[in-house]
PDB file of N, CA and C in Angstrom:
ATOM      1  N   MET A   1      70.044 -18.491 125.134  1.00  0.00           N
ATOM      2  CA  MET A   1      70.017 -18.583 123.700  1.00  0.00           C
ATOM      3  C   MET A   1      68.842 -17.799 123.144  1.00  0.00           C
ATOM      4  N   LYS A   2      69.083 -17.022 122.141  1.00  0.00           N
ATOM      5  CA  LYS A   2      68.025 -16.285 121.476  1.00  0.00           C
ATOM      6  C   LYS A   2      67.679 -16.981 120.163  1.00  0.00           C
ATOM      7  N   LYS A   3      66.399 -17.024 119.896  1.00  0.00           N
ATOM      8  CA  LYS A   3      65.965 -17.574 118.614  1.00  0.00           C
ATOM      9  C   LYS A   3      66.076 -16.486 117.568  1.00  0.00           C
ATOM     10  N   ASP A   4      66.432 -16.895 116.370  1.00  0.00           N
ATOM     11  CA  ASP A   4      66.442 -15.942 115.261  1.00  0.00           C
ATOM     12  C   ASP A   4      64.999 -15.632 114.888  1.00  0.00           C
ATOM     13  N   VAL A   5      64.664 -14.366 114.889  1.00  0.00           N
ATOM     14  CA  VAL A   5      63.308 -13.948 114.573  1.00  0.00           C
ATOM     15  C   VAL A   5      63.281 -13.500 113.125  1.00  0.00           C
ATOM     16  N   ASN A   6      62.397 -14.111 112.363  1.00  0.00           N
ATOM     17  CA  ASN A   6      62.256 -13.739 110.965  1.00  0.00           C
ATOM     18  C   ASN A   6      61.373 -12.501 110.889  1.00  0.00           C
ATOM     19  N   ARG A   7      61.961 -11.362 110.586  1.00  0.00           N
ATOM     20  CA  ARG A   7      61.239 -10.087 110.554  1.00  0.00           C
ATOM     21  C   ARG A   7      60.470  -9.902 109.254  1.00  0.00           C
ATOM     22  N   GLU A   8      60.756 -10.694 108.244  1.00  0.00           N
ATOM     23  CA  GLU A   8      60.056 -10.558 106.980  1.00  0.00           C
ATOM     24  C   GLU A   8      58.712 -11.273 107.084  1.00  0.00           C
ATOM     25  N   MET A   9      57.699 -10.657 106.513  1.00  0.00           N
ATOM     26  CA  MET A   9      56.379 -11.244 106.544  1.00  0.00           C
ATOM     27  C   MET A   9      56.264 -12.304 105.465  1.00  0.00           C
ATOM     28  N   ASP A  10      55.742 -13.453 105.824  1.00  0.00           N
ATOM     29  CA  ASP A  10      55.474 -14.472 104.827  1.00  0.00           C
ATOM     30  C   ASP A  10      54.223 -14.064 104.073  1.00  0.00           C
ATOM     31  N   ASP A  11      54.316 -13.946 102.772  1.00  0.00           N
ATOM     32  CA  ASP A  11      53.191 -13.520 101.952  1.00  0.00           C
ATOM     33  C   ASP A  11      52.481 -14.759 101.431  1.00  0.00           C
ATOM     34  N   ASP A  12      51.408 -15.157 102.133  1.00  0.00           N
ATOM     35  CA  ASP A  12      50.636 -16.320 101.720  1.00  0.00           C
ATOM     36  C   ASP A  12      49.473 -15.945 100.811  1.00  0.00           C
ATOM     37  N   LEU A  13      49.324 -14.663 100.529  1.00  0.00           N
ATOM     38  CA  LEU A  13      48.210 -14.197  99.730  1.00  0.00           C
ATOM     39  C   LEU A  13      48.396 -14.602  98.275  1.00  0.00           C
ATOM     40  N   ARG A  14      47.362 -15.151  97.703  1.00  0.00           N
ATOM     41  CA  ARG A  14      47.427 -15.576  96.306  1.00  0.00           C
ATOM     42  C   ARG A  14      47.530 -14.360  95.394  1.00  0.00           C
ATOM     43  N   PRO A  15      48.188 -14.516  94.257  1.00  0.00           N
ATOM     44  CA  PRO A  15      48.344 -13.369  93.330  1.00  0.00           C
ATOM     45  C   PRO A  15      47.022 -12.787  92.853  1.00  0.00           C
ATOM     46  N   GLU A  16      45.984 -13.617  92.738  1.00  0.00           N
ATOM     47  CA  GLU A  16      44.699 -13.101  92.259  1.00  0.00           C
ATOM     48  C   GLU A  16      44.005 -12.214  93.288  1.00  0.00           C
ATOM     49  N   TYR A  17      44.529 -12.172  94.517  1.00  0.00           N
ATOM     50  CA  TYR A  17      43.975 -11.323  95.561  1.00  0.00           C
ATOM     51  C   TYR A  17      44.830 -10.081  95.777  1.00  0.00           C
ATOM     52  N   ASP A  18      45.249  -9.467  94.728  1.00  0.00           N
ATOM     53  CA  ASP A  18      46.071  -8.265  94.819  1.00  0.00           C
ATOM     54  C   ASP A  18      45.146  -7.068  95.027  1.00  0.00           C
ATOM     55  N   PHE A  19      44.977  -6.677  96.281  1.00  0.00           N
ATOM     56  CA  PHE A  19      44.033  -5.618  96.615  1.00  0.00           C
ATOM     57  C   PHE A  19      44.472  -4.242  96.115  1.00  0.00           C
ATOM     58  N   SER A  20      45.719  -4.079  95.794  1.00  0.00           N
ATOM     59  CA  SER A  20      46.166  -2.782  95.272  1.00  0.00           C
ATOM     60  C   SER A  20      45.594  -2.527  93.883  1.00  0.00           C
ATOM     61  N   GLN A  21      45.157  -3.575  93.206  1.00  0.00           N
ATOM     62  CA  GLN A  21      44.589  -3.431  91.867  1.00  0.00           C
ATOM     63  C   GLN A  21      43.075  -3.213  91.895  1.00  0.00           C
ATOM     64  N   MET A  22      42.477  -3.346  93.066  1.00  0.00           N
ATOM     65  CA  MET A  22      41.025  -3.198  93.160  1.00  0.00           C
ATOM     66  C   MET A  22      40.640  -1.728  93.142  1.00  0.00           C
ATOM     67  N   ALA A  23      39.589  -1.408  92.383  1.00  0.00           N
ATOM     68  CA  ALA A  23      39.127  -0.027  92.290  1.00  0.00           C
ATOM     69  C   ALA A  23      37.844   0.149  93.098  1.00  0.00           C
ATOM     70  N   GLY A  24      37.624   1.340  93.577  1.00  0.00           N
ATOM     71  CA  GLY A  24      36.362   1.651  94.237  1.00  0.00           C
ATOM     72  C   GLY A  24      36.365   1.491  95.741  1.00  0.00           C
ATOM     73  N   GLY A  25      37.408   0.988  96.298  1.00  0.00           N
ATOM     74  CA  GLY A  25      37.463   0.839  97.742  1.00  0.00           C
ATOM     75  C   GLY A  25      37.678   2.181  98.423  1.00  0.00           C
ATOM     76  N   VAL A  26      36.971   2.396  99.513  1.00  0.00           N
ATOM     77  CA  VAL A  26      37.090   3.648 100.250  1.00  0.00           C
ATOM     78  C   VAL A  26      37.482   3.315 101.682  1.00  0.00           C
ATOM     79  N   ARG A  27      38.631   3.802 102.100  1.00  0.00           N
ATOM     80  CA  ARG A  27      39.093   3.548 103.456  1.00  0.00           C
ATOM     81  C   ARG A  27      38.228   4.318 104.453  1.00  0.00           C
ATOM     82  N   GLY A  28      37.767   3.620 105.485  1.00  0.00           N
ATOM     83  CA  GLY A  28      36.985   4.268 106.531  1.00  0.00           C
ATOM     84  C   GLY A  28      35.551   4.555 106.141  1.00  0.00           C
ATOM     85  N   LYS A  29      35.029   3.852 105.150  1.00  0.00           N
ATOM     86  CA  LYS A  29      33.688   4.127 104.646  1.00  0.00           C
ATOM     87  C   LYS A  29      32.613   3.967 105.728  1.00  0.00           C
ATOM     88  N   TYR A  30      32.781   3.005 106.617  1.00  0.00           N
ATOM     89  CA  TYR A  30      31.757   2.717 107.621  1.00  0.00           C
ATOM     90  C   TYR A  30      32.198   3.088 109.041  1.00  0.00           C
ATOM     91  N   ILE A  31      33.227   3.894 109.193  1.00  0.00           N
ATOM     92  CA  ILE A  31      33.766   4.214 110.513  1.00  0.00           C
ATOM     93  C   ILE A  31      32.745   4.937 111.391  1.00  0.00           C
ATOM     94  N   GLU A  32      31.941   5.815 110.808  1.00  0.00           N
ATOM     95  CA  GLU A  32      30.949   6.549 111.607  1.00  0.00           C
ATOM     96  C   GLU A  32      29.909   5.605 112.178  1.00  0.00           C
ATOM     97  N   ARG A  33      29.451   4.645 111.384  1.00  0.00           N
ATOM     98  CA  ARG A  33      28.487   3.660 111.876  1.00  0.00           C
ATOM     99  C   ARG A  33      29.110   2.808 112.976  1.00  0.00           C
ATOM    100  N   TYR A  34      30.362   2.420 112.766  1.00  0.00           N
ATOM    101  CA  TYR A  34      31.050   1.590 113.750  1.00  0.00           C
ATOM    102  C   TYR A  34      31.200   2.339 115.072  1.00  0.00           C
ATOM    103  N   GLN A  35      31.587   3.595 115.002  1.00  0.00           N
ATOM    104  CA  GLN A  35      31.795   4.383 116.213  1.00  0.00           C
ATOM    105  C   GLN A  35      30.481   4.706 116.908  1.00  0.00           C
ATOM    106  N   ALA A  36      29.382   4.692 116.169  1.00  0.00           N
ATOM    107  CA  ALA A  36      28.077   4.967 116.763  1.00  0.00           C
ATOM    108  C   ALA A  36      27.628   3.814 117.647  1.00  0.00           C
ATOM    109  N   GLY A  37      28.258   2.668 117.491  1.00  0.00           N
ATOM    110  CA  GLY A  37      27.946   1.535 118.354  1.00  0.00           C
ATOM    111  C   GLY A  37      26.685   0.798 117.955  1.00  0.00           C
ATOM    112  N   THR A  38      26.535   0.546 116.694  1.00  0.00           N
ATOM    113  CA  THR A  38      25.379  -0.192 116.219  1.00  0.00           C
ATOM    114  C   THR A  38      25.298  -1.532 116.924  1.00  0.00           C
ATOM    115  N   ASN A  39      24.116  -1.887 117.378  1.00  0.00           N
ATOM    116  CA  ASN A  39      23.915  -3.127 118.104  1.00  0.00           C
ATOM    117  C   ASN A  39      22.925  -3.985 117.321  1.00  0.00           C
ATOM    118  N   LEU A  40      23.428  -5.005 116.654  1.00  0.00           N
ATOM    119  CA  LEU A  40      22.578  -5.895 115.881  1.00  0.00           C
ATOM    120  C   LEU A  40      22.364  -7.184 116.645  1.00  0.00           C
ATOM    121  N   VAL A  41      21.147  -7.684 116.582  1.00  0.00           N
ATOM    122  CA  VAL A  41      20.813  -8.937 117.248  1.00  0.00           C
ATOM    123  C   VAL A  41      20.112  -9.819 116.228  1.00  0.00           C
ATOM    124  N   LEU A  42      20.558 -11.054 116.126  1.00  0.00           N
ATOM    125  CA  LEU A  42      19.932 -11.997 115.209  1.00  0.00           C
ATOM    126  C   LEU A  42      18.873 -12.780 115.968  1.00  0.00           C
ATOM    127  N   LEU A  43      17.625 -12.669 115.507  1.00  0.00           N
ATOM    128  CA  LEU A  43      16.522 -13.365 116.148  1.00  0.00           C
ATOM    129  C   LEU A  43      16.376 -14.760 115.562  1.00  0.00           C
ATOM    130  N   ASP A  44      15.989 -15.707 116.403  1.00  0.00           N
ATOM    131  CA  ASP A  44      15.674 -17.041 115.909  1.00  0.00           C
ATOM    132  C   ASP A  44      14.435 -16.933 115.022  1.00  0.00           C
ATOM    133  N   PRO A  45      14.313 -17.832 114.046  1.00  0.00           N
ATOM    134  CA  PRO A  45      13.197 -17.725 113.094  1.00  0.00           C
ATOM    135  C   PRO A  45      11.823 -17.697 113.748  1.00  0.00           C
ATOM    136  N   ASP A  46      11.605 -18.477 114.798  1.00  0.00           N
ATOM    137  CA  ASP A  46      10.288 -18.490 115.436  1.00  0.00           C
ATOM    138  C   ASP A  46       9.989 -17.169 116.133  1.00  0.00           C
ATOM    139  N   VAL A  47      11.002 -16.535 116.684  1.00  0.00           N
ATOM    140  CA  VAL A  47      10.821 -15.232 117.332  1.00  0.00           C
ATOM    141  C   VAL A  47      10.607 -14.150 116.277  1.00  0.00           C
ATOM    142  N   ALA A  48      11.400 -14.191 115.214  1.00  0.00           N
ATOM    143  CA  ALA A  48      11.280 -13.196 114.146  1.00  0.00           C
ATOM    144  C   ALA A  48       9.901 -13.250 113.488  1.00  0.00           C
ATOM    145  N   GLN A  49       9.318 -14.435 113.441  1.00  0.00           N
ATOM    146  CA  GLN A  49       7.999 -14.594 112.836  1.00  0.00           C
ATOM    147  C   GLN A  49       6.923 -13.869 113.657  1.00  0.00           C
ATOM    148  N   ALA A  50       7.143 -13.735 114.949  1.00  0.00           N
ATOM    149  CA  ALA A  50       6.164 -13.083 115.820  1.00  0.00           C
ATOM    150  C   ALA A  50       6.229 -11.560 115.730  1.00  0.00           C
ATOM    151  N   PHE A  51       7.330 -11.027 115.199  1.00  0.00           N
ATOM    152  CA  PHE A  51       7.515  -9.584 115.137  1.00  0.00           C
ATOM    153  C   PHE A  51       7.734  -9.151 113.686  1.00  0.00           C
ATOM    154  N   PRO A  52       6.785  -8.445 113.114  1.00  0.00           N
ATOM    155  CA  PRO A  52       6.890  -8.066 111.705  1.00  0.00           C
ATOM    156  C   PRO A  52       7.902  -6.963 111.412  1.00  0.00           C
ATOM    157  N   SER A  53       8.321  -6.221 112.437  1.00  0.00           N
ATOM    158  CA  SER A  53       9.245  -5.111 112.189  1.00  0.00           C
ATOM    159  C   SER A  53      10.123  -4.861 113.417  1.00  0.00           C
ATOM    160  N   GLU A  54      11.144  -4.048 113.224  1.00  0.00           N
ATOM    161  CA  GLU A  54      12.008  -3.702 114.357  1.00  0.00           C
ATOM    162  C   GLU A  54      11.243  -2.871 115.386  1.00  0.00           C
ATOM    163  N   ASP A  55      10.277  -2.089 114.935  1.00  0.00           N
ATOM    164  CA  ASP A  55       9.464  -1.306 115.876  1.00  0.00           C
ATOM    165  C   ASP A  55       8.651  -2.230 116.790  1.00  0.00           C
ATOM    166  N   ALA A  56       8.156  -3.326 116.239  1.00  0.00           N
ATOM    167  CA  ALA A  56       7.388  -4.282 117.038  1.00  0.00           C
ATOM    168  C   ALA A  56       8.272  -4.932 118.093  1.00  0.00           C
ATOM    169  N   VAL A  57       9.507  -5.241 117.742  1.00  0.00           N
ATOM    170  CA  VAL A  57      10.448  -5.825 118.697  1.00  0.00           C
ATOM    171  C   VAL A  57      10.748  -4.817 119.805  1.00  0.00           C
ATOM    172  N   ASN A  58      11.033  -3.583 119.421  1.00  0.00           N
ATOM    173  CA  ASN A  58      11.334  -2.549 120.419  1.00  0.00           C
ATOM    174  C   ASN A  58      10.155  -2.315 121.357  1.00  0.00           C
ATOM    175  N   GLU A  59       8.954  -2.285 120.811  1.00  0.00           N
ATOM    176  CA  GLU A  59       7.763  -2.070 121.644  1.00  0.00           C
ATOM    177  C   GLU A  59       7.595  -3.210 122.649  1.00  0.00           C
ATOM    178  N   ALA A  60       7.780  -4.440 122.198  1.00  0.00           N
ATOM    179  CA  ALA A  60       7.642  -5.597 123.094  1.00  0.00           C
ATOM    180  C   ALA A  60       8.711  -5.573 124.185  1.00  0.00           C
ATOM    181  N   LEU A  61       9.919  -5.223 123.835  1.00  0.00           N
ATOM    182  CA  LEU A  61      10.991  -5.173 124.833  1.00  0.00           C
ATOM    183  C   LEU A  61      10.771  -4.045 125.836  1.00  0.00           C
ATOM    184  N   ARG A  62      10.272  -2.910 125.371  1.00  0.00           N
ATOM    185  CA  ARG A  62       9.979  -1.814 126.306  1.00  0.00           C
ATOM    186  C   ARG A  62       8.876  -2.202 127.280  1.00  0.00           C
ATOM    187  N   LEU A  63       7.860  -2.895 126.772  1.00  0.00           N
ATOM    188  CA  LEU A  63       6.784  -3.369 127.637  1.00  0.00           C
ATOM    189  C   LEU A  63       7.330  -4.353 128.664  1.00  0.00           C
ATOM    190  N   LEU A  64       8.187  -5.253 128.246  1.00  0.00           N
ATOM    191  CA  LEU A  64       8.801  -6.207 129.167  1.00  0.00           C
ATOM    192  C   LEU A  64       9.638  -5.490 130.230  1.00  0.00           C
ATOM    193  N   MET A  65      10.341  -4.437 129.840  1.00  0.00           N
ATOM    194  CA  MET A  65      11.132  -3.665 130.807  1.00  0.00           C
ATOM    195  C   MET A  65      10.219  -2.997 131.839  1.00  0.00           C
ATOM    196  N   LYS A  66       9.090  -2.450 131.395  1.00  0.00           N
ATOM    197  CA  LYS A  66       8.145  -1.822 132.326  1.00  0.00           C
ATOM    198  C   LYS A  66       7.597  -2.843 133.314  1.00  0.00           C
ATOM    199  N   ILE A  67       7.245  -4.014 132.817  1.00  0.00           N
ATOM    200  CA  ILE A  67       6.713  -5.067 133.688  1.00  0.00           C
ATOM    201  C   ILE A  67       7.770  -5.486 134.702  1.00  0.00           C
ATOM    202  N   ALA A  68       8.993  -5.637 134.248  1.00  0.00           N
ATOM    203  CA  ALA A  68      10.079  -6.057 135.142  1.00  0.00           C
ATOM    204  C   ALA A  68      10.356  -5.005 136.211  1.00  0.00           C
ATOM    205  N   GLN A  69      10.218  -3.724 135.884  1.00  0.00           N
ATOM    206  CA  GLN A  69      10.454  -2.657 136.859  1.00  0.00           C
ATOM    207  C   GLN A  69       9.357  -2.613 137.920  1.00  0.00           C
ATOM    208  N   ARG A  70       8.150  -3.034 137.575  1.00  0.00           N
ATOM    209  CA  ARG A  70       7.032  -3.015 138.518  1.00  0.00           C
ATOM    210  C   ARG A  70       7.078  -4.174 139.505  1.00  0.00           C
ATOM    211  N   GLN A  71       7.765  -5.243 139.139  1.00  0.00           N
ATOM    212  CA  GLN A  71       7.831  -6.421 139.995  1.00  0.00           C
ATOM    213  C   GLN A  71       8.775  -6.170 141.160  1.00  0.00           C
ATOM    214  N   PRO A  72       8.358  -6.531 142.371  1.00  0.00           N
ATOM    215  CA  PRO A  72       9.269  -6.370 143.510  1.00  0.00           C
ATOM    216  C   PRO A  72      10.431  -7.356 143.382  1.00  0.00           C
ATOM    217  N   ALA A  73      11.576  -6.941 143.868  1.00  0.00           N
ATOM    218  CA  ALA A  73      12.755  -7.804 143.820  1.00  0.00           C
ATOM    219  C   ALA A  73      12.537  -8.998 144.735  1.00  0.00           C
ATOM    220  N   ASN A  74      12.827 -10.176 144.244  1.00  0.00           N
ATOM    221  CA  ASN A  74      12.678 -11.394 145.018  1.00  0.00           C
ATOM    222  C   ASN A  74      14.064 -11.902 145.355  1.00  0.00           C
ATOM    223  N   ASN A  75      14.650 -11.350 146.407  1.00  0.00           N
ATOM    224  CA  ASN A  75      16.014 -11.691 146.792  1.00  0.00           C
ATOM    225  C   ASN A  75      16.092 -12.895 147.724  1.00  0.00           C
ATOM    226  N   SER A  76      14.977 -13.264 148.318  1.00  0.00           N
ATOM    227  CA  SER A  76      14.999 -14.375 149.276  1.00  0.00           C
ATOM    228  C   SER A  76      14.569 -15.656 148.567  1.00  0.00           C
ATOM    229  N   VAL A  77      15.526 -16.463 148.225  1.00  0.00           N
ATOM    230  CA  VAL A  77      15.248 -17.713 147.522  1.00  0.00           C
ATOM    231  C   VAL A  77      14.732 -18.732 148.522  1.00  0.00           C
ATOM    232  N   GLY A  78      13.574 -19.291 148.248  1.00  0.00           N
ATOM    233  CA  GLY A  78      13.011 -20.331 149.092  1.00  0.00           C
ATOM    234  C   GLY A  78      12.415 -19.820 150.399  1.00  0.00           C
ATOM    235  N   ALA A  79      12.120 -18.547 150.547  1.00  0.00           N
ATOM    236  CA  ALA A  79      11.609 -17.991 151.794  1.00  0.00           C
ATOM    237  C   ALA A  79      10.157 -18.424 152.037  1.00  0.00           C
ATOM    238  N   ASP A  80       9.406 -18.667 150.960  1.00  0.00           N
ATOM    239  CA  ASP A  80       8.006 -19.017 151.100  1.00  0.00           C
ATOM    240  C   ASP A  80       7.802 -20.524 151.283  1.00  0.00           C
ATOM    241  N   GLU A  81       8.825 -21.296 151.232  1.00  0.00           N
ATOM    242  CA  GLU A  81       8.694 -22.749 151.328  1.00  0.00           C
ATOM    243  C   GLU A  81       8.561 -23.199 152.746  1.00  0.00           C
TER     244      GLU A  81
END
């Protein structure tokens, strides 16, 4: 048995949301930014308070990366016990 498939779209959009009447919209306005792969991160308030700017955050993360690269890999869990 096949179910009857309703091919018509149910229009649940309210009449006051008629986007065809809206002026000023530009299709693809932010496509270049999207394709560039913008990476946004939301910081918790206590962390954001410690860093006054995005440059300060980047500098701290780069320093952390350098420190992590200098540390020898500790692959043996519990070897010193």
